[in-house]
Protein backbone atom coordinates (compact mmCIF):
# COMPACT_ATOMS: atom_id res chain seq x y z
CA MET A 1 98.98 43.45 166.14
CA THR A 2 97.37 39.80 165.52
CA GLU A 3 98.31 36.22 164.75
CA GLN A 4 96.12 33.66 163.21
CA ARG A 5 95.34 30.92 165.98
CA ASN A 6 93.26 28.44 163.77
CA SER A 7 90.37 29.21 161.01
CA GLN A 8 87.95 29.59 163.84
CA SER A 9 89.73 32.34 165.75
CA ARG A 10 92.08 34.95 165.74
CA ILE A 11 94.34 36.50 168.46
CA GLU A 12 94.36 40.43 168.34
CA ARG A 13 96.71 42.38 170.97
CA ASP A 14 96.47 46.06 172.28
CA SER A 15 97.96 47.96 175.10
CA MET A 16 96.61 45.64 177.70
CA GLY A 17 97.11 42.69 176.53
CA ASP A 18 96.09 39.81 174.47
CA ARG A 19 92.27 38.57 173.26
CA GLU A 20 91.38 35.17 171.25
CA ILE A 21 88.35 36.85 168.76
CA SER A 22 86.35 34.70 166.41
CA SER A 23 87.57 34.83 162.64
CA SER A 24 84.39 35.35 161.61
CA VAL A 25 83.88 38.93 163.25
CA TYR A 26 85.07 42.37 161.91
CA TYR A 27 85.09 43.97 164.88
CA GLY A 28 88.32 43.70 166.89
CA ILE A 29 90.01 43.59 170.17
CA GLN A 30 88.53 47.45 172.00
CA THR A 31 85.10 46.19 170.78
CA VAL A 32 85.29 42.93 172.77
CA ARG A 33 86.26 44.53 175.61
CA ALA A 34 83.17 47.37 175.02
CA THR A 35 80.86 44.79 174.78
CA GLU A 36 82.17 42.78 178.27
CA ASN A 37 82.29 46.10 179.99
CA PHE A 38 78.94 47.04 178.36
CA PRO A 39 75.90 44.60 178.83
CA ILE A 40 73.85 47.14 180.02
CA SER A 41 70.31 47.49 177.79
CA GLY A 42 71.22 45.36 174.96
CA ILE A 43 70.54 48.30 172.59
CA ARG A 44 72.80 48.87 169.23
CA PRO A 45 73.84 51.68 167.61
CA LEU A 46 70.82 53.01 165.44
CA PRO A 47 71.60 52.93 161.82
CA THR A 48 71.50 56.38 161.29
CA TYR A 49 74.07 57.04 163.60
CA VAL A 50 76.27 54.01 162.05
CA ASP A 51 75.54 55.54 158.55
CA ALA A 52 77.06 58.98 160.41
CA CYS A 53 80.04 57.58 161.37
CA ILE A 54 81.05 55.56 158.24
CA LEU A 55 80.52 58.76 156.12
CA ILE A 56 82.99 60.76 158.18
CA LYS A 57 85.21 57.77 157.78
CA LYS A 58 84.80 57.87 154.52
CA ALA A 59 85.25 61.74 153.70
CA THR A 60 88.50 61.16 156.07
CA ALA A 61 89.71 58.55 154.20
CA ILE A 62 89.23 59.99 151.06
CA VAL A 63 91.30 63.52 152.00
CA ASN A 64 94.05 61.81 153.80
CA GLY A 65 94.52 59.28 150.60
CA GLU A 66 94.56 63.16 148.17
CA LEU A 67 96.80 64.45 150.82
CA GLY A 68 99.17 61.48 150.99
CA CYS A 69 98.68 60.87 154.92
CA ILE A 70 97.75 57.26 154.23
CA PRO A 71 98.75 55.38 151.20
CA GLN A 72 96.71 55.30 148.37
CA ASP A 73 95.72 51.86 148.17
CA ILE A 74 94.81 51.50 151.86
CA SER A 75 92.47 54.84 151.42
CA GLN A 76 90.71 53.17 148.36
CA ALA A 77 89.67 49.79 150.61
CA ILE A 78 88.56 51.87 153.51
CA VAL A 79 86.20 54.07 150.98
CA GLN A 80 85.12 50.69 149.56
CA ALA A 81 84.63 48.85 152.73
CA ALA A 82 82.58 52.41 153.99
CA ASP A 83 80.50 51.82 150.55
CA GLU A 84 79.34 48.69 151.26
CA VAL A 85 78.06 49.39 155.46
CA LEU A 86 76.02 52.17 153.75
CA ALA A 87 74.71 49.89 151.07
CA GLY A 88 73.66 47.47 154.01
CA GLN A 89 76.52 44.77 154.69
CA PHE A 90 77.97 44.24 158.10
CA ARG A 91 75.29 46.28 160.03
CA GLU A 92 75.53 43.63 162.59
CA GLN A 93 78.93 43.92 162.48
CA PHE A 94 78.47 47.21 165.26
CA VAL A 95 77.70 45.62 168.68
CA VAL A 96 78.47 48.36 171.61
CA ASP A 97 75.66 49.19 173.84
CA VAL A 98 74.66 52.63 173.46
CA TYR A 99 75.21 53.40 177.25
CA GLN A 100 79.23 52.97 177.30
CA ALA A 101 82.39 54.30 177.22
CA GLY A 102 82.54 58.26 177.53
CA ALA A 103 82.19 59.83 174.97
CA GLY A 104 81.42 57.59 172.81
CA THR A 105 85.14 55.69 172.03
CA SER A 106 84.02 52.31 172.35
CA HIS A 107 81.15 52.67 169.15
CA HIS A 108 84.47 54.65 167.17
CA MET A 109 86.60 52.26 168.16
CA ASN A 110 83.86 49.85 166.69
CA VAL A 111 83.15 51.31 163.68
CA ASN A 112 87.31 51.76 163.11
CA GLU A 113 87.37 48.60 163.59
CA VAL A 114 85.06 46.80 160.84
CA LEU A 115 86.51 49.07 158.42
CA ALA A 116 89.91 47.97 158.81
CA ASN A 117 89.49 44.72 158.92
CA ARG A 118 86.80 44.80 155.84
CA ALA A 119 89.86 47.08 154.06
CA LEU A 120 92.43 44.12 154.96
CA GLU A 121 90.30 41.23 152.92
CA ILE A 122 89.90 43.72 150.11
CA LEU A 123 93.41 44.38 149.68
CA GLY A 124 93.66 40.60 150.04
CA ASP A 125 95.35 40.12 153.42
CA HIS A 126 93.60 38.76 157.00
CA LYS A 127 91.69 40.63 159.76
CA GLY A 128 93.57 41.45 162.21
CA ASN A 129 96.85 42.24 160.67
CA TYR A 130 96.51 45.72 161.71
CA LYS A 131 100.58 46.76 160.83
CA ARG A 132 98.91 46.50 156.94
CA VAL A 133 95.81 48.50 157.77
CA SER A 134 95.50 49.65 161.37
CA PRO A 135 92.01 51.02 163.08
CA ASN A 136 93.75 53.74 164.83
CA ASP A 137 97.15 54.82 162.55
CA HIS A 138 94.81 54.45 158.41
CA VAL A 139 90.81 54.68 159.19
CA ASN A 140 91.63 57.06 162.14
CA TYR A 141 94.50 59.07 160.58
CA GLY A 142 94.14 62.54 161.91
CA GLN A 143 90.89 62.09 164.44
CA SER A 144 89.74 61.44 167.65
CA THR A 145 86.78 60.59 169.48
CA ASN A 146 86.21 64.24 170.57
CA ASP A 147 85.90 65.68 167.03
CA VAL A 148 84.07 62.38 165.34
CA ILE A 149 81.42 61.98 167.72
CA PRO A 150 80.09 65.33 167.86
CA THR A 151 80.54 65.38 164.12
CA ALA A 152 79.14 62.67 163.68
CA ILE A 153 75.60 63.10 166.23
CA ARG A 154 75.39 66.56 163.93
CA ILE A 155 75.40 64.30 160.75
CA GLY A 156 73.03 62.14 162.07
CA GLY A 157 70.70 64.52 162.90
CA LEU A 158 70.42 65.66 159.47
CA LEU A 159 70.15 62.37 158.17
CA ALA A 160 67.56 61.32 159.94
CA LEU A 161 65.89 64.76 159.83
CA SER A 162 65.70 64.71 156.01
CA ARG A 163 64.93 61.17 155.54
CA THR A 164 62.28 60.62 157.91
CA LEU A 165 60.83 63.62 160.09
CA HIS A 166 60.76 66.41 157.39
CA PRO A 167 58.80 63.67 154.98
CA ALA A 168 56.49 63.06 157.49
CA LEU A 169 55.71 66.83 158.26
CA GLU A 170 55.30 67.37 154.53
CA GLY A 171 52.62 64.47 153.71
CA ALA A 172 50.88 65.48 157.70
CA ILE A 173 50.20 68.93 156.49
CA ALA A 174 49.31 68.36 153.00
CA THR A 175 46.56 65.75 154.26
CA LEU A 176 45.91 68.33 157.01
CA GLU A 177 45.08 70.70 154.31
CA ALA A 178 43.17 68.16 152.30
CA LYS A 179 40.74 67.53 155.36
CA ALA A 180 40.28 71.28 156.13
CA ALA A 181 39.15 71.62 152.22
CA GLU A 182 36.64 68.56 152.91
CA PHE A 183 35.17 69.76 155.81
CA GLN A 184 35.26 73.35 155.29
CA ASP A 185 31.50 73.62 155.04
CA ILE A 186 30.63 71.73 158.60
CA VAL A 187 30.03 74.36 161.21
CA ARG A 188 30.55 72.83 164.68
CA SER A 189 30.67 74.12 168.49
CA GLY A 190 33.60 75.26 169.51
CA ARG A 191 34.67 74.31 173.23
CA THR A 192 36.69 75.88 175.33
CA HIS A 193 37.21 75.01 178.88
CA MET A 194 35.60 71.99 177.93
CA GLN A 195 32.39 74.06 177.65
CA ASP A 196 30.08 74.95 175.03
CA ALA A 197 31.79 78.09 172.59
CA VAL A 198 30.86 79.42 169.76
CA PRO A 199 30.84 77.63 166.42
CA VAL A 200 33.52 77.23 164.40
CA ARG A 201 33.97 75.46 160.95
CA LEU A 202 35.08 71.59 161.08
CA GLY A 203 37.85 72.44 158.22
CA GLU A 204 39.14 75.40 160.56
CA ASN A 205 40.19 72.61 162.98
CA PHE A 206 42.17 70.98 160.56
CA ARG A 207 43.63 73.90 158.99
CA ALA A 208 45.07 74.95 162.20
CA TRP A 209 46.53 71.88 162.79
CA ALA A 210 48.17 71.97 159.41
CA HIS A 211 49.43 75.26 159.94
CA ILE A 212 50.91 74.47 163.30
CA LEU A 213 53.14 71.94 162.02
CA THR A 214 54.23 74.12 159.38
CA GLU A 215 55.43 76.46 162.14
CA HIS A 216 56.86 73.42 164.19
CA GLN A 217 58.61 72.51 160.91
CA ASN A 218 59.78 75.46 160.16
CA ARG A 219 61.58 75.93 163.52
CA ILE A 220 63.28 72.77 163.44
CA TYR A 221 64.62 73.93 159.89
CA THR A 222 65.86 76.52 162.15
CA ALA A 223 67.50 74.96 164.91
CA SER A 224 69.17 72.45 162.51
CA GLY A 225 71.11 74.78 160.98
CA ASP A 226 73.27 74.60 163.84
CA LEU A 227 73.95 70.73 162.90
CA MET A 228 75.58 71.96 159.24
CA VAL A 229 78.89 73.60 161.57
CA LEU A 230 81.22 71.06 162.19
CA GLY A 231 84.15 70.73 164.46
CA LEU A 232 86.07 67.86 162.96
CA GLY A 233 89.65 68.49 162.17
CA GLY A 234 89.97 69.26 165.79
CA SER A 235 91.62 66.30 166.83
CA ALA A 236 92.30 65.30 170.46
CA ALA A 237 91.36 68.54 171.95
CA GLY A 238 90.53 71.12 169.23
CA THR A 239 93.68 72.19 168.51
CA GLY A 240 94.01 70.03 165.12
CA LEU A 241 97.15 67.84 166.33
CA ASN A 242 98.32 65.44 163.87
CA THR A 243 95.88 66.91 160.80
CA HIS A 244 96.93 68.29 157.56
CA PRO A 245 96.66 71.89 157.34
CA GLN A 246 94.39 71.08 154.43
CA TYR A 247 92.60 68.35 156.19
CA ARG A 248 89.91 70.58 157.89
CA ALA A 249 88.70 72.25 155.49
CA ARG A 250 89.36 69.53 152.46
CA VAL A 251 87.20 67.06 154.67
CA ILE A 252 84.25 69.08 155.53
CA SER A 253 83.63 69.67 151.77
CA THR A 254 84.14 66.67 151.21
CA LEU A 255 81.69 65.21 153.62
CA ALA A 256 79.17 68.34 152.69
CA GLU A 257 78.92 66.71 149.06
CA LEU A 258 78.80 63.17 150.76
CA ILE A 259 75.02 64.02 152.22
CA ASN A 260 74.53 66.86 149.83
CA SER A 261 74.11 69.66 152.85
CA PRO A 262 75.61 72.83 153.29
CA LEU A 263 78.30 72.09 156.09
CA GLN A 264 80.86 74.53 157.21
CA PRO A 265 83.86 74.29 159.44
CA ALA A 266 83.03 75.91 163.19
CA PRO A 267 85.06 78.95 163.44
CA HIS A 268 86.05 77.81 166.81
CA LEU A 269 87.34 74.17 166.82
CA MET A 270 87.19 73.64 170.63
CA ALA A 271 84.29 75.42 171.07
CA ALA A 272 82.44 72.94 168.94
CA MET A 273 83.58 70.24 170.90
CA GLN A 274 82.76 71.04 174.02
CA SER A 275 79.35 72.69 173.89
CA MET A 276 76.05 70.66 172.76
CA ALA A 277 74.39 73.49 172.18
CA PRO A 278 73.60 72.52 169.07
CA PHE A 279 71.47 69.69 170.02
CA VAL A 280 70.19 70.74 173.04
CA ASN A 281 68.23 73.52 171.01
CA VAL A 282 67.17 70.60 168.00
CA SER A 283 65.93 68.44 171.10
CA GLY A 284 63.89 71.82 172.12
CA ALA A 285 62.28 72.12 168.77
CA LEU A 286 61.22 68.14 168.89
CA ARG A 287 59.99 68.72 172.28
CA ASN A 288 57.86 71.64 171.45
CA LEU A 289 56.41 69.48 168.67
CA ALA A 290 55.53 66.56 170.69
CA GLN A 291 53.99 68.88 173.05
CA ASP A 292 51.32 69.95 170.03
CA LEU A 293 51.16 66.75 168.52
CA VAL A 294 50.01 65.66 171.94
CA LYS A 295 47.43 68.38 172.13
CA ILE A 296 46.14 67.05 168.13
CA SER A 297 45.61 63.81 168.88
CA HIS A 298 43.84 64.08 172.24
CA ASP A 299 41.90 66.57 170.17
CA LEU A 300 41.19 63.55 167.52
CA ARG A 301 40.35 61.19 170.54
CA LEU A 302 38.10 63.69 172.26
CA MET A 303 36.22 64.15 168.77
CA ASP A 304 35.93 60.74 168.04
CA SER A 305 35.00 59.69 171.43
CA GLY A 306 31.40 57.78 172.17
CA PRO A 307 29.75 56.27 169.74
CA LYS A 308 26.82 56.78 171.92
CA THR A 309 27.93 58.43 174.57
CA GLY A 310 30.50 61.11 173.53
CA LEU A 311 31.13 63.61 171.26
CA LYS A 312 31.18 61.59 168.02
CA GLU A 313 31.64 64.60 165.43
CA ILE A 314 34.44 62.69 163.57
CA GLN A 315 35.06 58.97 163.14
CA LEU A 316 38.68 58.05 162.54
CA PRO A 317 39.17 54.91 161.01
CA PRO A 318 39.07 51.73 162.49
CA VAL A 319 42.41 49.86 162.49
CA GLN A 320 42.38 47.18 164.79
CA PRO A 321 39.88 45.56 167.51
CA GLY A 322 39.64 47.97 170.71
CA SER A 323 39.10 45.36 173.28
CA SER A 324 40.05 41.61 174.47
CA ILE A 325 36.08 41.33 176.23
CA MET A 326 33.75 44.14 174.59
CA PRO A 327 32.94 43.12 171.02
CA GLY A 328 32.74 45.95 168.94
CA LYS A 329 35.00 47.90 170.30
CA TYR A 330 37.47 50.19 168.67
CA ASN A 331 39.80 52.34 169.48
CA PRO A 332 42.14 55.53 168.75
CA VAL A 333 44.88 53.45 168.82
CA MET A 334 47.07 55.84 166.64
CA ALA A 335 46.38 58.64 168.00
CA GLU A 336 47.27 57.10 171.82
CA MET A 337 50.28 56.02 170.38
CA THR A 338 50.98 59.32 169.24
CA SER A 339 50.95 60.61 173.02
CA MET A 340 52.92 57.96 173.91
CA VAL A 341 55.86 58.86 171.74
CA CYS A 342 55.49 62.39 171.96
CA PHE A 343 55.82 61.74 175.60
CA GLN A 344 58.92 59.58 175.30
CA VAL A 345 60.52 62.26 173.02
CA MET A 346 59.92 64.97 175.88
CA GLY A 347 61.91 62.45 178.26
CA TYR A 348 64.86 62.44 175.64
CA ASP A 349 65.18 65.87 175.83
CA SER A 350 65.13 66.39 179.59
CA ALA A 351 68.31 63.86 179.48
CA ILE A 352 69.94 65.93 176.70
CA ALA A 353 69.31 68.85 178.99
CA LEU A 354 71.32 67.06 181.74
CA ALA A 355 73.93 65.40 179.30
CA ALA A 356 74.93 68.62 177.65
CA GLN A 357 75.64 70.30 180.92
CA ALA A 358 77.86 67.64 182.51
CA GLY A 359 80.80 68.01 180.26
CA GLN A 360 84.39 68.92 182.04
CA LEU A 361 87.10 71.30 180.58
CA GLU A 362 87.59 70.28 176.87
CA LEU A 363 85.10 67.76 176.31
CA ASN A 364 81.77 66.30 177.03
CA VAL A 365 81.87 62.71 177.96
CA MET A 366 77.68 62.25 177.97
CA MET A 367 77.61 62.24 174.06
CA PRO A 368 76.91 58.74 173.64
CA LEU A 369 73.93 59.54 175.17
CA ILE A 370 72.81 62.56 173.79
CA ALA A 371 73.45 60.78 169.96
CA TYR A 372 70.94 58.09 170.77
CA ASN A 373 68.57 60.08 172.19
CA LEU A 374 68.72 62.63 169.46
CA ILE A 375 68.89 60.28 166.43
CA HIS A 376 65.92 58.11 168.11
CA SER A 377 63.70 61.24 168.74
CA ILE A 378 63.75 62.75 165.18
CA GLU A 379 63.38 59.25 163.68
CA ILE A 380 60.62 57.98 166.24
CA LEU A 381 58.42 61.18 165.52
CA GLY A 382 59.34 60.90 161.98
CA ASN A 383 57.53 57.37 161.91
CA THR A 384 54.82 57.99 164.24
CA ILE A 385 53.78 61.55 162.22
CA ALA A 386 53.92 58.91 159.12
CA ALA A 387 51.74 56.45 160.47
CA LEU A 388 49.50 58.74 162.06
CA THR A 389 48.80 60.07 159.11
CA GLN A 390 48.22 57.07 156.69
CA ARG A 391 46.51 54.97 159.57
CA CYS A 392 44.39 58.15 160.99
CA ILE A 393 44.18 61.32 159.47
CA GLN A 394 43.92 60.20 155.83
CA GLY A 395 40.63 58.32 156.67
CA ILE A 396 38.40 60.74 159.19
CA THR A 397 35.14 61.09 158.43
CA ALA A 398 32.85 64.11 159.74
CA ASN A 399 29.83 63.17 161.21
CA ARG A 400 28.12 66.50 159.55
CA GLU A 401 24.61 65.97 161.55
CA ARG A 402 26.56 65.26 165.17
CA CYS A 403 28.24 68.48 164.66
CA LEU A 404 25.44 70.59 163.12
CA ALA A 405 23.04 69.50 166.00
CA TYR A 406 26.01 70.31 168.84
CA ALA A 407 26.07 73.96 167.11
CA GLU A 408 22.41 74.80 167.10
CA SER A 409 21.89 74.01 170.28
CA SER A 410 24.83 75.46 172.26
CA LEU A 411 24.34 78.33 174.46
CA ALA A 412 27.35 80.07 173.65
CA LEU A 413 25.53 81.24 170.26
CA VAL A 414 24.28 84.16 172.51
CA THR A 415 27.54 85.98 172.51
CA ALA A 416 26.44 86.74 168.81
CA LEU A 417 23.76 88.91 170.86
CA ASN A 418 25.91 90.87 173.12
CA THR A 419 26.55 93.97 170.33
CA HIS A 420 22.68 93.98 170.02
CA ILE A 421 20.99 93.63 173.82
CA GLY A 422 24.28 93.84 175.67
CA TYR A 423 26.21 91.25 177.40
CA LEU A 424 24.07 91.58 180.91
CA ASN A 425 20.85 90.76 178.68
CA ALA A 426 22.42 87.85 176.75
CA ALA A 427 23.95 86.31 180.11
CA ALA A 428 20.34 86.16 181.20
CA ILE A 429 18.78 84.91 178.31
CA ALA A 430 21.40 81.93 178.30
CA LYS A 431 20.40 81.19 182.16
CA GLU A 432 16.79 81.18 181.34
CA SER A 433 17.33 79.05 178.33
CA LEU A 434 19.42 76.36 180.13
CA GLU A 435 16.83 76.13 183.02
CA THR A 436 13.88 76.35 180.85
CA GLY A 437 14.77 74.17 177.61
CA LYS A 438 13.01 77.53 175.82
CA SER A 439 15.33 78.06 172.72
CA LEU A 440 17.81 81.65 172.70
CA ARG A 441 15.53 82.41 169.44
CA GLN A 442 12.26 82.00 171.32
CA ILE A 443 13.37 83.87 174.50
CA VAL A 444 14.77 87.13 172.60
CA LEU A 445 11.46 87.21 170.61
CA GLU A 446 9.11 86.80 174.21
CA LYS A 447 11.01 89.27 175.31
CA GLY A 448 10.88 91.60 172.02
CA LEU A 449 14.69 92.45 172.84
CA MET A 450 15.09 91.82 168.55
CA SER A 451 13.44 91.20 165.41
CA GLU A 452 12.81 87.53 163.54
CA ALA A 453 14.81 89.36 160.59
CA GLU A 454 17.03 90.51 162.77
CA LEU A 455 17.84 87.54 164.70
CA ALA A 456 18.04 85.48 161.73
CA LYS A 457 20.43 87.66 160.30
CA VAL A 458 22.53 87.43 163.99
CA LEU A 459 22.53 83.60 164.66
CA ASN A 460 23.34 82.52 161.12
CA LEU A 461 25.98 79.80 162.01
CA GLU A 462 27.84 80.24 158.41
CA GLN A 463 28.13 83.60 158.96
CA MET A 464 29.29 83.48 162.79
CA SER A 465 31.84 80.60 162.37
CA GLN A 466 33.64 82.14 159.25
CA ILE A 467 37.32 83.66 159.62
CA LEU A 468 37.07 86.75 158.65
CA PRO A 469 40.07 88.28 156.91
CA LEU A 470 43.23 90.11 157.50
CA GLU A 471 42.77 93.63 155.98
């Protein structure tokens, strides 16, 4: 209920009393109370999460209008208001801190109020006239925070994956495969335990990373299947109270068309409302990806270390000066940034796991934390992988001479002699080479353990570093 005080403000009323609200804003009294209660972080809802909520409201308005649950003109006005938000308008009106009332009621009402007030304008009425268009009775008809927010987390996750992470992974995999082909003929010394190991192909290092990311993408695709099963229609406690008998199936079908994804109703609405397992599953897949991304970013830093006192087998493209005091210094900043983002994702995963187990009875009230952490993890991982690919991996060059020099001088070449002279003889030769500075080849020939022709064949770096195909 509302009354206009003057052109600058209006009075809105709820069950707790009256509040004066600026006429310029589209949110209402419950949002104002939330902003006063939760001045916590200054972090507002993620745009993708807002999109997810607005898409749900659009689908519900369409279906409730078709079913005659709300007047058709109000249904159309809500849909138009939703489309305007999805097109980028009114984004500054979603103002509730991500750390807020349990279950996400504050953000949910922020969405309901913005759509109701914009719908009122579309209908030629003034903001706050909730007798005409109500945030609760019209925008939220047949819904509850309890089924809308877990659905919004699912939709937000799917949107974030399709918009950011999957395209970024596909770009990274393609770039790594291209680099693998470019570097396939370059032999370098492998290293295990940070010590010299048998020779490997530089190209295979990049191909291995591409394969690792491909497997992670497949795991994420599998985990995200859980996000397509929706409890929307469960209403307050999973019973479907105050919903039309056809609403549940029709609203999920409509929402599936809006996001072009094969959504389906949850087989048990209470279960879909209570369990946060789908989000834990996806977050775990993200954490798994983050852990390997840290490994890859650290490998890039090690292989580029130097330029005079490190490995310097590859050159990462310099993208900015690296020191405020040391001239000419360039640091592997894209790889460093990647690790930091991955550490944050791992932290978010731990918080999601804690929040997921903190539900009681018919509801998990920690959903706002899960929503922010999950969607943000997806988006910062996607943005990071895209930046790493474009600003680092694409421009990597190889130091062929340095790679070959390390490979030729590695004592681990003696491994190839095992089957010809035995492990103990090979170990003795490696020890003597290290102590005397003589080459492995020279010592073997001096001891008469193999002929020069045999050695040339066995100590062939090209052959040693070739990965054997599966038979």
